[in-house]
Amino acid sequence: MHFSAATVTASLFTFLSLASAGAVPAYPGYKVIWSDEFTGDAGATPSRSKWNYALDTNTNNELQAYTTSNQNVQLSGGNTVQFVPRKDASGKWTSGRLESQATFTPSPNRTTLVEAAIRFGDASIFQKRGLWPAFWMLGDAIHHGTPWPHCGELDIMETVNGLMTGYGTVHCGGDVALGGPCNEPVGIPHTALLLDYGWHTWSLSIDRSNPGGDWRAEKISWMLDGQVFGTLTGAEINDEGVWATLARSPLFIILNLAVGGDWPGQPDANTADGYGNMMEVEYVAVMEA
């Protein structure tokens, strides 16, 4: 059954606002087209049929080395996956980054929803300097020779330094390497107030359900616990080719926890490693209405 965009949106926001961490929720009018609920034994590896480990990935002057070790990425045994930063005796940091093997192309006349339930470790903000957990998407074109930011990037959730702000940001290319339609290298940010480090639902909606298929009327929305905290339309980008990289082309999902880098800066002597500064994810799902 295909619901109208207005009906789907109203129902989705109502149900999202009631959602808590758990299995992939059922939203009226939506079908799940891909998901991972991270079932398995404690210490096990996330599904190799769904995820690739990204190694030697550092584009922001980060400190960590990404590994395949279950010290950095592991199933909890309680239907979650944990990304745990570690520091060795010499002060070197390791962490984890997963990228979905599948790619997702938003369908015409449909709304695509990408969502995860996430929480952070309970270390104090004074112990989180330099940490940068993220849930985001990149255009698959980056795997085929298209450089960043021209491949397109949709950041669904980023936080830095334990601050109580969640960021949903767009990066894209244009005729100008710096600046352009997405004001690079800053991008177009949207922010949400985060009340605590506990479970919250982060969602990105790509709405292509507008009558007539006008790309200018297509809309991307960011949500925290069902509440919209940012929107972007094709008309605001005002470039059909650039908009296509964000809302009409294959994208893949990334979960990672970076340490250091251009944005958060470096960790300090108080920055703690281990579970107190982990990012824990209960599910990731891609749905379509």
Protein backbone atom coordinates (compact mmCIF):
# COMPACT_ATOMS: atom_id res chain seq x y z
CA MET A 1 0.00 0.00 0.00
CA HIS A 2 1.31 3.44 -0.84
CA PHE A 3 0.25 6.24 1.50
CA SER A 4 0.29 9.90 0.58
CA ALA A 5 3.41 11.80 1.63
CA ALA A 6 1.42 13.90 4.10
CA THR A 7 -0.11 10.84 5.75
CA VAL A 8 3.21 9.01 5.97
CA THR A 9 5.02 12.02 7.38
CA ALA A 10 2.43 12.73 10.06
CA SER A 11 2.25 9.08 11.11
CA LEU A 12 6.02 8.66 11.10
CA PHE A 13 6.70 11.65 13.31
CA THR A 14 4.03 10.51 15.77
CA PHE A 15 5.44 7.01 16.03
CA LEU A 16 9.06 8.13 16.07
CA SER A 17 8.40 10.37 19.03
CA LEU A 18 7.19 7.33 20.98
CA ALA A 19 10.00 5.05 19.87
CA SER A 20 12.68 3.79 22.21
CA ALA A 21 15.69 1.61 21.60
CA GLY A 22 14.87 -1.92 20.53
CA ALA A 23 14.14 -3.90 17.40
CA VAL A 24 13.52 -2.06 14.14
CA PRO A 25 10.19 -0.32 14.68
CA ALA A 26 7.21 -0.73 12.38
CA TYR A 27 6.02 2.58 10.93
CA PRO A 28 2.69 2.85 9.08
CA GLY A 29 3.20 2.67 5.33
CA TYR A 30 6.89 1.80 5.54
CA LYS A 31 8.58 -1.46 4.63
CA VAL A 32 12.07 -2.39 5.77
CA ILE A 33 14.35 -2.95 2.78
CA TRP A 34 17.57 -3.50 4.75
CA SER A 35 18.46 -3.72 8.43
CA ASP A 36 20.81 -5.07 11.06
CA GLU A 37 19.74 -5.69 14.67
CA PHE A 38 23.22 -6.92 15.65
CA THR A 39 22.22 -10.29 17.05
CA GLY A 40 24.98 -12.67 18.07
CA ASP A 41 27.27 -13.68 20.87
CA ALA A 42 29.17 -11.18 22.98
CA GLY A 43 32.51 -10.36 21.40
CA ALA A 44 31.49 -11.64 17.96
CA THR A 45 32.10 -9.82 14.72
CA PRO A 46 29.27 -7.86 13.08
CA SER A 47 27.84 -9.52 9.98
CA ARG A 48 30.46 -9.73 7.25
CA SER A 49 27.67 -10.11 4.72
CA LYS A 50 26.33 -6.67 5.64
CA TRP A 51 29.38 -4.67 6.68
CA ASN A 52 32.92 -3.96 5.55
CA TYR A 53 35.59 -2.89 8.00
CA ALA A 54 37.15 0.35 6.79
CA LEU A 55 40.87 0.47 7.55
CA ASP A 56 43.50 3.12 6.80
CA THR A 57 40.73 5.68 6.40
CA ASN A 58 41.80 9.11 7.59
CA THR A 59 40.83 12.28 5.79
CA ASN A 60 40.57 14.69 8.74
CA ASN A 61 43.98 14.39 10.45
CA GLU A 62 42.53 11.94 12.97
CA LEU A 63 44.70 10.04 15.44
CA GLN A 64 43.08 6.61 15.53
CA ALA A 65 43.93 3.56 13.51
CA TYR A 66 40.81 1.61 12.57
CA THR A 67 41.05 -2.12 13.24
CA THR A 68 39.09 -5.36 12.87
CA SER A 69 39.69 -6.24 16.52
CA ASN A 70 36.73 -6.98 18.75
CA GLN A 71 38.42 -4.69 21.24
CA ASN A 72 37.25 -1.86 18.96
CA VAL A 73 34.10 -3.24 17.28
CA GLN A 74 32.06 -6.05 18.78
CA LEU A 75 28.60 -7.40 19.26
CA SER A 76 27.55 -6.97 22.88
CA GLY A 77 25.52 -10.16 23.13
CA GLY A 78 22.48 -8.00 23.89
CA ASN A 79 21.55 -7.15 20.29
CA THR A 80 23.82 -4.14 19.92
CA VAL A 81 27.18 -3.33 18.34
CA GLN A 82 29.77 -1.35 20.29
CA PHE A 83 32.45 0.95 18.89
CA VAL A 84 35.08 1.29 21.61
CA PRO A 85 38.08 3.64 21.41
CA ARG A 86 41.28 2.23 22.94
CA LYS A 87 44.60 3.83 23.87
CA ASP A 88 47.71 1.70 24.34
CA ALA A 89 50.63 2.27 26.70
CA SER A 90 52.42 4.41 24.13
CA GLY A 91 49.41 6.69 23.72
CA LYS A 92 48.34 5.41 20.29
CA TRP A 93 44.58 5.22 19.68
CA THR A 94 42.56 2.55 17.87
CA SER A 95 38.86 2.47 17.05
CA GLY A 96 36.34 1.03 14.60
CA ARG A 97 34.55 1.96 11.39
CA LEU A 98 31.94 -0.10 9.53
CA GLU A 99 30.59 0.62 6.04
CA SER A 100 27.54 -1.11 4.61
CA GLN A 101 28.20 -3.42 1.68
CA ALA A 102 24.80 -2.52 0.27
CA THR A 103 24.06 0.82 -1.34
CA PHE A 104 20.68 2.55 -1.29
CA THR A 105 19.24 4.69 -4.06
CA PRO A 106 16.17 6.74 -3.05
CA SER A 107 13.29 5.66 -5.31
CA PRO A 108 11.21 8.13 -7.31
CA ASN A 109 7.71 8.77 -5.94
CA ARG A 110 8.78 7.30 -2.60
CA THR A 111 10.19 8.35 0.76
CA THR A 112 13.36 6.63 1.98
CA LEU A 113 14.10 6.58 5.72
CA VAL A 114 17.52 5.72 7.17
CA GLU A 115 17.53 5.29 10.93
CA ALA A 116 19.55 4.05 13.89
CA ALA A 117 19.12 3.86 17.67
CA ILE A 118 22.34 5.05 19.31
CA ARG A 119 23.70 5.80 22.75
CA PHE A 120 27.08 6.89 24.08
CA GLY A 121 29.20 5.76 26.99
CA ASP A 122 28.59 7.40 30.36
CA ALA A 123 32.02 8.94 30.88
CA SER A 124 31.78 12.61 31.84
CA ILE A 125 32.08 15.38 29.29
CA PHE A 126 35.49 16.19 30.77
CA GLN A 127 36.69 12.76 29.63
CA LYS A 128 35.39 13.03 26.05
CA ARG A 129 37.69 15.63 24.54
CA GLY A 130 38.70 14.69 20.98
CA LEU A 131 36.05 11.98 20.42
CA TRP A 132 33.88 12.06 17.31
CA PRO A 133 31.16 9.37 16.92
CA ALA A 134 29.13 9.44 13.70
CA PHE A 135 26.30 7.83 11.72
CA TRP A 136 26.38 9.00 8.11
CA MET A 137 26.18 8.21 4.39
CA LEU A 138 28.50 8.76 1.43
CA GLY A 139 27.75 8.66 -2.26
CA ASP A 140 28.96 5.36 -3.75
CA ALA A 141 30.51 7.42 -6.55
CA ILE A 142 33.51 7.86 -4.24
CA HIS A 143 34.28 4.18 -4.95
CA HIS A 144 34.30 4.90 -8.68
CA GLY A 145 36.66 7.84 -8.99
CA THR A 146 34.47 10.76 -7.91
CA PRO A 147 36.29 12.70 -5.19
CA TRP A 148 34.84 14.17 -2.02
CA PRO A 149 32.74 16.33 -1.73
CA HIS A 150 31.47 15.82 -5.29
CA CYS A 151 30.34 12.28 -4.37
CA GLY A 152 27.84 13.75 -1.86
CA GLU A 153 27.69 13.20 1.91
CA LEU A 154 24.75 13.12 4.32
CA ASP A 155 25.71 13.18 7.99
CA ILE A 156 22.78 11.91 10.02
CA MET A 157 24.39 12.23 13.46
CA GLU A 158 27.74 13.55 14.58
CA THR A 159 28.84 14.73 18.01
CA VAL A 160 32.21 16.02 19.15
CA ASN A 161 33.92 16.36 22.52
CA GLY A 162 30.88 15.03 24.40
CA LEU A 163 29.00 18.28 23.77
CA MET A 164 25.22 18.05 23.96
CA THR A 165 24.72 18.96 20.30
CA GLY A 166 23.95 16.58 17.47
CA TYR A 167 24.83 17.64 13.94
CA GLY A 168 23.20 16.66 10.67
CA THR A 169 25.27 18.07 7.83
CA VAL A 170 25.33 18.01 4.03
CA HIS A 171 28.50 18.07 1.97
CA CYS A 172 28.38 18.32 -1.80
CA GLY A 173 30.32 19.51 -4.81
CA GLY A 174 29.66 22.11 -7.43
CA ASP A 175 31.50 24.28 -9.87
CA VAL A 176 33.55 25.75 -7.02
CA ALA A 177 35.89 23.41 -5.14
CA LEU A 178 35.55 25.46 -1.97
CA GLY A 179 32.27 27.16 -1.25
CA GLY A 180 29.74 26.11 -3.85
CA PRO A 181 26.17 25.01 -3.10
CA CYS A 182 27.17 23.33 0.19
CA ASN A 183 29.57 26.01 1.46
CA GLU A 184 32.55 23.68 1.57
CA PRO A 185 34.49 22.69 3.50
CA VAL A 186 32.02 23.58 6.28
CA GLY A 187 28.94 22.10 4.59
CA ILE A 188 25.34 22.91 5.46
CA PRO A 189 24.83 22.03 9.15
CA HIS A 190 21.67 21.43 11.16
CA THR A 191 21.82 21.03 14.93
CA ALA A 192 19.76 19.32 17.63
CA LEU A 193 19.95 19.58 21.41
CA LEU A 194 20.92 16.28 22.99
CA LEU A 195 19.59 15.95 26.54
CA ASP A 196 21.71 12.98 27.64
CA TYR A 197 24.04 10.25 26.41
CA GLY A 198 21.32 7.56 26.53
CA TRP A 199 19.34 5.89 23.75
CA HIS A 200 18.03 8.15 21.00
CA THR A 201 16.73 7.56 17.51
CA TRP A 202 18.45 9.42 14.66
CA SER A 203 16.73 9.45 11.28
CA LEU A 204 17.20 10.85 7.79
CA SER A 205 14.26 11.07 5.40
CA ILE A 206 14.72 11.56 1.64
CA ASP A 207 11.31 12.48 0.28
CA ARG A 208 10.87 12.09 -3.48
CA SER A 209 7.10 11.62 -3.29
CA ASN A 210 6.19 15.07 -4.62
CA PRO A 211 3.67 15.17 -7.48
CA GLY A 212 5.22 15.57 -10.91
CA GLY A 213 8.70 14.47 -9.87
CA ASP A 214 10.07 18.01 -9.62
CA TRP A 215 13.56 17.69 -8.13
CA ARG A 216 13.33 21.18 -6.66
CA ALA A 217 10.45 20.05 -4.41
CA GLU A 218 12.27 16.98 -3.11
CA LYS A 219 13.27 17.26 0.54
CA ILE A 220 15.78 15.78 2.97
CA SER A 221 14.84 15.93 6.67
CA TRP A 222 16.86 15.18 9.83
CA MET A 223 15.11 13.89 12.95
CA LEU A 224 16.06 13.24 16.55
CA ASP A 225 13.50 11.05 18.35
CA GLY A 226 10.98 11.90 15.64
CA GLN A 227 11.39 15.66 15.87
CA VAL A 228 12.63 17.37 12.72
CA PHE A 229 15.69 19.50 13.38
CA GLY A 230 16.69 20.29 9.82
CA THR A 231 15.45 20.23 6.24
CA LEU A 232 16.98 20.82 2.83
CA THR A 233 15.23 20.99 -0.56
CA GLY A 234 16.42 20.68 -4.09
CA ALA A 235 15.45 24.30 -4.63
CA GLU A 236 17.85 25.36 -1.87
CA ILE A 237 20.74 23.53 -3.52
CA ASN A 238 19.60 24.99 -6.85
CA ASP A 239 21.68 22.61 -8.96
CA GLU A 240 20.03 19.49 -10.35
CA GLY A 241 23.27 17.56 -10.81
CA VAL A 242 24.47 18.27 -7.30
CA TRP A 243 21.07 17.44 -5.82
CA ALA A 244 21.16 14.11 -7.64
CA THR A 245 24.29 13.11 -5.69
CA LEU A 246 22.37 13.59 -2.43
CA ALA A 247 18.87 12.34 -3.19
CA ARG A 248 18.92 10.35 -6.44
CA SER A 249 22.14 8.32 -6.41
CA PRO A 250 23.46 5.24 -4.55
CA LEU A 251 24.59 5.91 -0.98
CA PHE A 252 26.17 3.63 1.62
CA ILE A 253 25.98 3.79 5.42
CA ILE A 254 28.92 4.41 7.75
CA LEU A 255 29.19 3.96 11.53
CA ASN A 256 32.43 5.05 13.15
CA LEU A 257 34.07 6.59 16.18
CA ALA A 258 37.01 8.83 15.31
CA VAL A 259 39.61 10.16 17.74
CA GLY A 260 41.04 13.60 17.17
CA GLY A 261 40.90 15.34 13.84
CA ASP A 262 40.34 18.80 12.43
CA TRP A 263 36.91 19.29 13.97
CA PRO A 264 37.05 18.04 17.58
CA GLY A 265 40.75 18.67 18.00
CA GLN A 266 43.02 16.37 19.92
CA PRO A 267 42.17 14.37 23.05
CA ASP A 268 43.79 15.61 26.24
CA ALA A 269 45.16 13.97 29.34
CA ASN A 270 41.64 13.48 30.72
CA THR A 271 40.23 11.71 27.64
CA ALA A 272 39.25 8.19 28.62
CA ASP A 273 39.29 5.11 26.45
CA GLY A 274 37.06 2.07 26.85
CA TYR A 275 33.34 1.55 27.27
CA GLY A 276 32.74 4.87 28.99
CA ASN A 277 33.36 6.53 25.64
CA MET A 278 31.88 3.96 23.28
CA MET A 279 29.19 4.49 20.67
CA GLU A 280 26.60 1.71 20.93
CA VAL A 281 24.07 1.01 18.17
CA GLU A 282 20.97 -1.13 18.64
CA TYR A 283 19.78 -1.23 15.04
CA VAL A 284 20.29 0.34 11.66
CA ALA A 285 17.49 0.21 9.11
CA VAL A 286 16.59 1.52 5.68
CA MET A 287 12.85 1.77 5.03
CA GLU A 288 10.71 2.94 2.15
CA ALA A 289 7.16 4.25 1.87
